Amino acid sequence: GVSYDDPEVTPPDKLRYDACIVVDDKVRASGDVGVQTIGGTRYAITTHKGPYECLSETYAALMGQWMPANGQEPGCGPCLEVYLNSPQNTPPEQLLTDVHVPLKDAP
């Protein structure tokens, strides 16, 4: 998933999010479906364990604690979420999500 907005400051009806799957380079988009290339920057990555509703706690820890403690700042671009298991067959407290926050390039 690609998150473009901060739900702490963006009204719910204005949040932008792209649900994504990995596809072959030969896939062509049509209609409401698009193809985009993601990456090309450094990311701070951590794994969130628990319900999706608590993801904001992981973002807060990564951006508010880890980044300053390690001399890092958020960079340009959207955050990425990689869902490692499915809520269809995993209890909410066992859900795993890799959270990627872009880092500002070093000077």
N, C-alpha and C. Protein backbone atom coordinates (compact mmCIF):
# COMPACT_ATOMS: atom_id res chain seq x y z
N GLY A 1 0.82 -1.18 0.00
CA GLY A 1 0.00 0.00 0.00
C GLY A 1 0.87 1.24 0.00
N VAL A 2 0.39 2.27 -0.67
CA VAL A 2 1.09 3.54 -0.72
C VAL A 2 0.22 4.58 -0.04
N SER A 3 0.74 5.16 1.04
CA SER A 3 0.00 6.18 1.80
C SER A 3 0.57 7.55 1.47
N TYR A 4 -0.29 8.44 1.00
CA TYR A 4 0.15 9.78 0.62
C TYR A 4 -0.11 10.82 1.70
N ASP A 5 -0.97 10.54 2.65
CA ASP A 5 -1.40 11.54 3.61
C ASP A 5 -1.27 11.03 5.03
N ASP A 6 -1.16 11.97 5.97
CA ASP A 6 -1.10 11.66 7.39
C ASP A 6 -2.51 11.71 7.96
N PRO A 7 -3.05 10.57 8.41
CA PRO A 7 -4.42 10.58 8.93
C PRO A 7 -4.58 11.39 10.21
N GLU A 8 -3.48 11.80 10.82
CA GLU A 8 -3.56 12.64 12.01
C GLU A 8 -3.90 14.09 11.65
N VAL A 9 -3.61 14.49 10.39
CA VAL A 9 -3.86 15.88 9.99
C VAL A 9 -4.79 16.01 8.78
N THR A 10 -4.99 14.92 8.05
CA THR A 10 -5.82 14.96 6.85
C THR A 10 -7.21 14.42 7.17
N PRO A 11 -8.26 15.17 6.78
CA PRO A 11 -9.62 14.67 7.02
C PRO A 11 -9.83 13.31 6.35
N PRO A 12 -10.59 12.41 6.97
CA PRO A 12 -10.78 11.07 6.42
C PRO A 12 -11.24 11.05 4.96
N ASP A 13 -12.10 11.98 4.57
CA ASP A 13 -12.60 11.98 3.19
C ASP A 13 -11.58 12.51 2.19
N LYS A 14 -10.41 12.96 2.66
CA LYS A 14 -9.35 13.50 1.79
C LYS A 14 -8.12 12.59 1.74
N LEU A 15 -8.12 11.51 2.53
CA LEU A 15 -6.98 10.60 2.54
C LEU A 15 -6.81 9.93 1.19
N ARG A 16 -5.55 9.85 0.74
CA ARG A 16 -5.23 9.17 -0.53
C ARG A 16 -4.39 7.93 -0.23
N TYR A 17 -4.73 6.84 -0.90
CA TYR A 17 -4.07 5.56 -0.66
C TYR A 17 -4.18 4.73 -1.92
N ASP A 18 -3.09 4.12 -2.32
CA ASP A 18 -3.10 3.19 -3.45
C ASP A 18 -2.88 1.78 -2.94
N ALA A 19 -3.81 0.88 -3.22
CA ALA A 19 -3.61 -0.54 -2.93
C ALA A 19 -2.82 -1.11 -4.11
N CYS A 20 -1.76 -1.84 -3.82
CA CYS A 20 -0.83 -2.25 -4.88
C CYS A 20 -0.57 -3.76 -4.85
N ILE A 21 -0.20 -4.26 -6.00
CA ILE A 21 0.33 -5.62 -6.14
C ILE A 21 1.51 -5.53 -7.09
N VAL A 22 2.43 -6.46 -6.97
CA VAL A 22 3.58 -6.50 -7.86
C VAL A 22 3.15 -7.18 -9.16
N VAL A 23 3.48 -6.54 -10.28
CA VAL A 23 3.14 -7.09 -11.59
C VAL A 23 4.38 -7.11 -12.48
N ASP A 24 4.31 -7.90 -13.51
CA ASP A 24 5.36 -7.99 -14.51
C ASP A 24 5.45 -6.69 -15.29
N ASP A 25 6.63 -6.37 -15.81
CA ASP A 25 6.83 -5.15 -16.61
C ASP A 25 5.94 -5.08 -17.84
N LYS A 26 5.43 -6.22 -18.27
CA LYS A 26 4.62 -6.26 -19.49
C LYS A 26 3.16 -5.86 -19.27
N VAL A 27 2.74 -5.76 -18.00
CA VAL A 27 1.35 -5.42 -17.70
C VAL A 27 1.08 -3.97 -18.07
N ARG A 28 -0.04 -3.75 -18.75
CA ARG A 28 -0.47 -2.40 -19.15
C ARG A 28 -1.77 -2.07 -18.43
N ALA A 29 -1.87 -0.84 -18.00
CA ALA A 29 -3.05 -0.41 -17.24
C ALA A 29 -4.15 0.06 -18.17
N SER A 30 -5.39 -0.01 -17.66
CA SER A 30 -6.53 0.56 -18.38
C SER A 30 -7.62 0.88 -17.37
N GLY A 31 -8.46 1.81 -17.71
CA GLY A 31 -9.56 2.18 -16.82
C GLY A 31 -9.05 2.81 -15.54
N ASP A 32 -9.62 2.40 -14.42
CA ASP A 32 -9.26 2.96 -13.12
C ASP A 32 -7.99 2.35 -12.53
N VAL A 33 -7.42 1.37 -13.19
CA VAL A 33 -6.22 0.70 -12.69
C VAL A 33 -4.99 1.33 -13.32
N GLY A 34 -3.98 1.63 -12.51
CA GLY A 34 -2.75 2.22 -13.02
C GLY A 34 -1.56 1.35 -12.68
N VAL A 35 -0.45 1.64 -13.34
CA VAL A 35 0.81 0.97 -13.07
C VAL A 35 1.81 2.05 -12.69
N GLN A 36 2.53 1.82 -11.60
CA GLN A 36 3.55 2.77 -11.18
C GLN A 36 4.77 2.02 -10.68
N THR A 37 5.92 2.68 -10.76
CA THR A 37 7.16 2.13 -10.23
C THR A 37 7.43 2.83 -8.91
N ILE A 38 7.70 2.05 -7.88
CA ILE A 38 7.93 2.59 -6.54
C ILE A 38 9.36 2.30 -6.14
N GLY A 39 9.97 3.26 -5.51
CA GLY A 39 11.32 3.06 -5.01
C GLY A 39 12.24 4.18 -5.44
N GLY A 40 13.52 3.91 -5.44
CA GLY A 40 14.49 4.89 -5.86
C GLY A 40 14.92 5.84 -4.76
N THR A 41 14.67 5.49 -3.51
CA THR A 41 15.08 6.31 -2.39
C THR A 41 15.44 5.41 -1.22
N ARG A 42 16.02 5.99 -0.20
CA ARG A 42 16.31 5.24 1.03
C ARG A 42 15.06 5.28 1.91
N TYR A 43 14.84 4.20 2.63
CA TYR A 43 13.70 4.11 3.54
C TYR A 43 14.16 3.65 4.91
N ALA A 44 13.50 4.18 5.94
CA ALA A 44 13.58 3.59 7.27
C ALA A 44 12.47 2.55 7.29
N ILE A 45 12.78 1.34 7.73
CA ILE A 45 11.82 0.24 7.68
C ILE A 45 11.73 -0.41 9.05
N THR A 46 10.51 -0.65 9.48
CA THR A 46 10.27 -1.40 10.70
C THR A 46 9.05 -2.28 10.49
N THR A 47 8.91 -3.30 11.31
CA THR A 47 7.75 -4.18 11.21
C THR A 47 6.78 -3.87 12.34
N HIS A 48 5.54 -3.59 11.95
CA HIS A 48 4.45 -3.36 12.90
C HIS A 48 3.77 -4.70 13.15
N LYS A 49 3.56 -5.03 14.42
CA LYS A 49 2.81 -6.23 14.77
C LYS A 49 1.54 -5.80 15.49
N GLY A 50 0.40 -6.17 14.93
CA GLY A 50 -0.86 -5.83 15.55
C GLY A 50 -1.87 -5.30 14.54
N PRO A 51 -3.01 -4.83 15.03
CA PRO A 51 -4.08 -4.38 14.15
C PRO A 51 -3.67 -3.17 13.33
N TYR A 52 -4.24 -3.07 12.14
CA TYR A 52 -3.97 -1.94 11.26
C TYR A 52 -4.36 -0.62 11.92
N GLU A 53 -5.36 -0.65 12.79
CA GLU A 53 -5.81 0.57 13.45
C GLU A 53 -4.73 1.17 14.34
N CYS A 54 -3.71 0.40 14.66
CA CYS A 54 -2.63 0.89 15.53
C CYS A 54 -1.36 1.25 14.75
N LEU A 55 -1.42 1.23 13.42
CA LEU A 55 -0.25 1.57 12.61
C LEU A 55 0.30 2.95 12.95
N SER A 56 -0.56 3.90 13.31
CA SER A 56 -0.09 5.25 13.61
C SER A 56 0.92 5.25 14.75
N GLU A 57 0.80 4.32 15.69
CA GLU A 57 1.76 4.23 16.79
C GLU A 57 3.15 3.86 16.28
N THR A 58 3.20 2.98 15.30
CA THR A 58 4.48 2.58 14.72
C THR A 58 5.09 3.72 13.93
N TYR A 59 4.27 4.43 13.14
CA TYR A 59 4.77 5.60 12.43
C TYR A 59 5.31 6.64 13.40
N ALA A 60 4.59 6.89 14.49
CA ALA A 60 5.01 7.89 15.48
C ALA A 60 6.35 7.51 16.10
N ALA A 61 6.53 6.24 16.43
CA ALA A 61 7.79 5.78 17.01
C ALA A 61 8.93 5.90 16.01
N LEU A 62 8.69 5.51 14.77
CA LEU A 62 9.72 5.55 13.74
C LEU A 62 10.13 6.99 13.44
N MET A 63 9.14 7.85 13.24
CA MET A 63 9.43 9.23 12.84
C MET A 63 9.75 10.14 14.03
N GLY A 64 9.16 9.88 15.18
CA GLY A 64 9.35 10.75 16.32
C GLY A 64 10.46 10.35 17.26
N GLN A 65 10.87 9.08 17.19
CA GLN A 65 11.91 8.60 18.09
C GLN A 65 13.14 8.10 17.33
N TRP A 66 12.95 7.10 16.46
CA TRP A 66 14.09 6.49 15.78
C TRP A 66 14.81 7.49 14.87
N MET A 67 14.05 8.21 14.05
CA MET A 67 14.70 9.13 13.11
C MET A 67 15.54 10.19 13.82
N PRO A 68 14.99 10.93 14.80
CA PRO A 68 15.82 11.94 15.48
C PRO A 68 17.02 11.32 16.22
N ALA A 69 16.82 10.16 16.83
CA ALA A 69 17.91 9.51 17.57
C ALA A 69 19.04 9.05 16.65
N ASN A 70 18.72 8.87 15.37
CA ASN A 70 19.71 8.39 14.41
C ASN A 70 20.10 9.44 13.38
N GLY A 71 19.76 10.70 13.65
CA GLY A 71 20.15 11.80 12.77
C GLY A 71 19.48 11.75 11.40
N GLN A 72 18.29 11.20 11.34
CA GLN A 72 17.58 11.07 10.06
C GLN A 72 16.36 12.00 10.05
N GLU A 73 15.94 12.38 8.85
CA GLU A 73 14.74 13.17 8.66
C GLU A 73 13.88 12.52 7.58
N PRO A 74 12.55 12.70 7.66
CA PRO A 74 11.69 12.16 6.60
C PRO A 74 12.03 12.81 5.26
N GLY A 75 11.99 12.02 4.22
CA GLY A 75 12.26 12.52 2.88
C GLY A 75 10.97 12.76 2.11
N CYS A 76 11.13 13.06 0.85
CA CYS A 76 9.98 13.27 -0.03
C CYS A 76 9.43 11.93 -0.51
N GLY A 77 8.18 11.91 -0.79
CA GLY A 77 7.56 10.70 -1.32
C GLY A 77 6.65 10.05 -0.30
N PRO A 78 5.84 9.14 -0.79
CA PRO A 78 4.88 8.48 0.08
C PRO A 78 5.50 7.39 0.94
N CYS A 79 4.81 7.06 2.02
CA CYS A 79 5.18 5.92 2.85
C CYS A 79 4.59 4.66 2.22
N LEU A 80 5.25 3.55 2.46
CA LEU A 80 4.80 2.27 1.92
C LEU A 80 4.45 1.33 3.06
N GLU A 81 3.45 0.51 2.84
CA GLU A 81 3.08 -0.54 3.79
C GLU A 81 3.03 -1.86 3.04
N VAL A 82 3.79 -2.82 3.52
CA VAL A 82 3.82 -4.16 2.92
C VAL A 82 3.16 -5.11 3.91
N TYR A 83 2.02 -5.65 3.53
CA TYR A 83 1.24 -6.52 4.41
C TYR A 83 1.76 -7.94 4.28
N LEU A 84 2.31 -8.47 5.36
CA LEU A 84 2.99 -9.76 5.32
C LEU A 84 2.08 -10.95 5.56
N ASN A 85 0.89 -10.70 6.07
CA ASN A 85 -0.10 -11.77 6.20
C ASN A 85 -1.48 -11.15 5.99
N SER A 86 -2.50 -11.95 6.06
CA SER A 86 -3.84 -11.51 5.67
C SER A 86 -4.80 -11.43 6.86
N PRO A 87 -5.59 -10.34 6.92
CA PRO A 87 -6.58 -10.27 8.00
C PRO A 87 -7.69 -11.30 7.84
N GLN A 88 -7.76 -11.97 6.67
CA GLN A 88 -8.78 -12.99 6.45
C GLN A 88 -8.50 -14.26 7.24
N ASN A 89 -7.21 -14.51 7.53
CA ASN A 89 -6.90 -15.74 8.26
C ASN A 89 -5.88 -15.53 9.39
N THR A 90 -5.74 -14.28 9.83
CA THR A 90 -4.80 -13.95 10.90
C THR A 90 -5.52 -13.10 11.94
N PRO A 91 -5.41 -13.43 13.22
CA PRO A 91 -6.01 -12.58 14.25
C PRO A 91 -5.37 -11.19 14.22
N PRO A 92 -6.14 -10.14 14.49
CA PRO A 92 -5.61 -8.78 14.41
C PRO A 92 -4.30 -8.57 15.18
N GLU A 93 -4.17 -9.17 16.35
CA GLU A 93 -2.95 -8.97 17.14
C GLU A 93 -1.73 -9.66 16.54
N GLN A 94 -1.93 -10.54 15.54
CA GLN A 94 -0.82 -11.25 14.89
C GLN A 94 -0.50 -10.70 13.50
N LEU A 95 -1.23 -9.66 13.05
CA LEU A 95 -0.96 -9.09 11.73
C LEU A 95 0.44 -8.47 11.71
N LEU A 96 1.14 -8.65 10.59
CA LEU A 96 2.48 -8.10 10.40
C LEU A 96 2.49 -7.18 9.19
N THR A 97 3.02 -5.98 9.37
CA THR A 97 3.08 -4.99 8.30
C THR A 97 4.45 -4.33 8.32
N ASP A 98 5.19 -4.40 7.21
CA ASP A 98 6.43 -3.65 7.11
C ASP A 98 6.09 -2.21 6.73
N VAL A 99 6.55 -1.27 7.53
CA VAL A 99 6.31 0.17 7.31
C VAL A 99 7.60 0.77 6.78
N HIS A 100 7.50 1.43 5.62
CA HIS A 100 8.64 2.09 4.97
C HIS A 100 8.38 3.59 4.94
N VAL A 101 9.29 4.37 5.54
CA VAL A 101 9.18 5.82 5.51
C VAL A 101 10.40 6.35 4.75
N PRO A 102 10.18 7.16 3.70
CA PRO A 102 11.33 7.67 2.94
C PRO A 102 12.21 8.56 3.81
N LEU A 103 13.51 8.47 3.58
CA LEU A 103 14.50 9.27 4.32
C LEU A 103 15.05 10.37 3.43
N LYS A 104 15.31 11.50 4.06
CA LYS A 104 15.94 12.62 3.37
C LYS A 104 17.35 12.19 2.99
N ASP A 105 17.78 12.56 1.78
CA ASP A 105 19.13 12.23 1.35
C ASP A 105 20.16 12.91 2.22
N ALA A 106 21.25 12.23 2.47
CA ALA A 106 22.34 12.81 3.27
C ALA A 106 22.96 13.95 2.48
N PRO A 107 23.40 15.03 3.17
CA PRO A 107 24.01 16.17 2.46
C PRO A 107 25.33 15.82 1.83
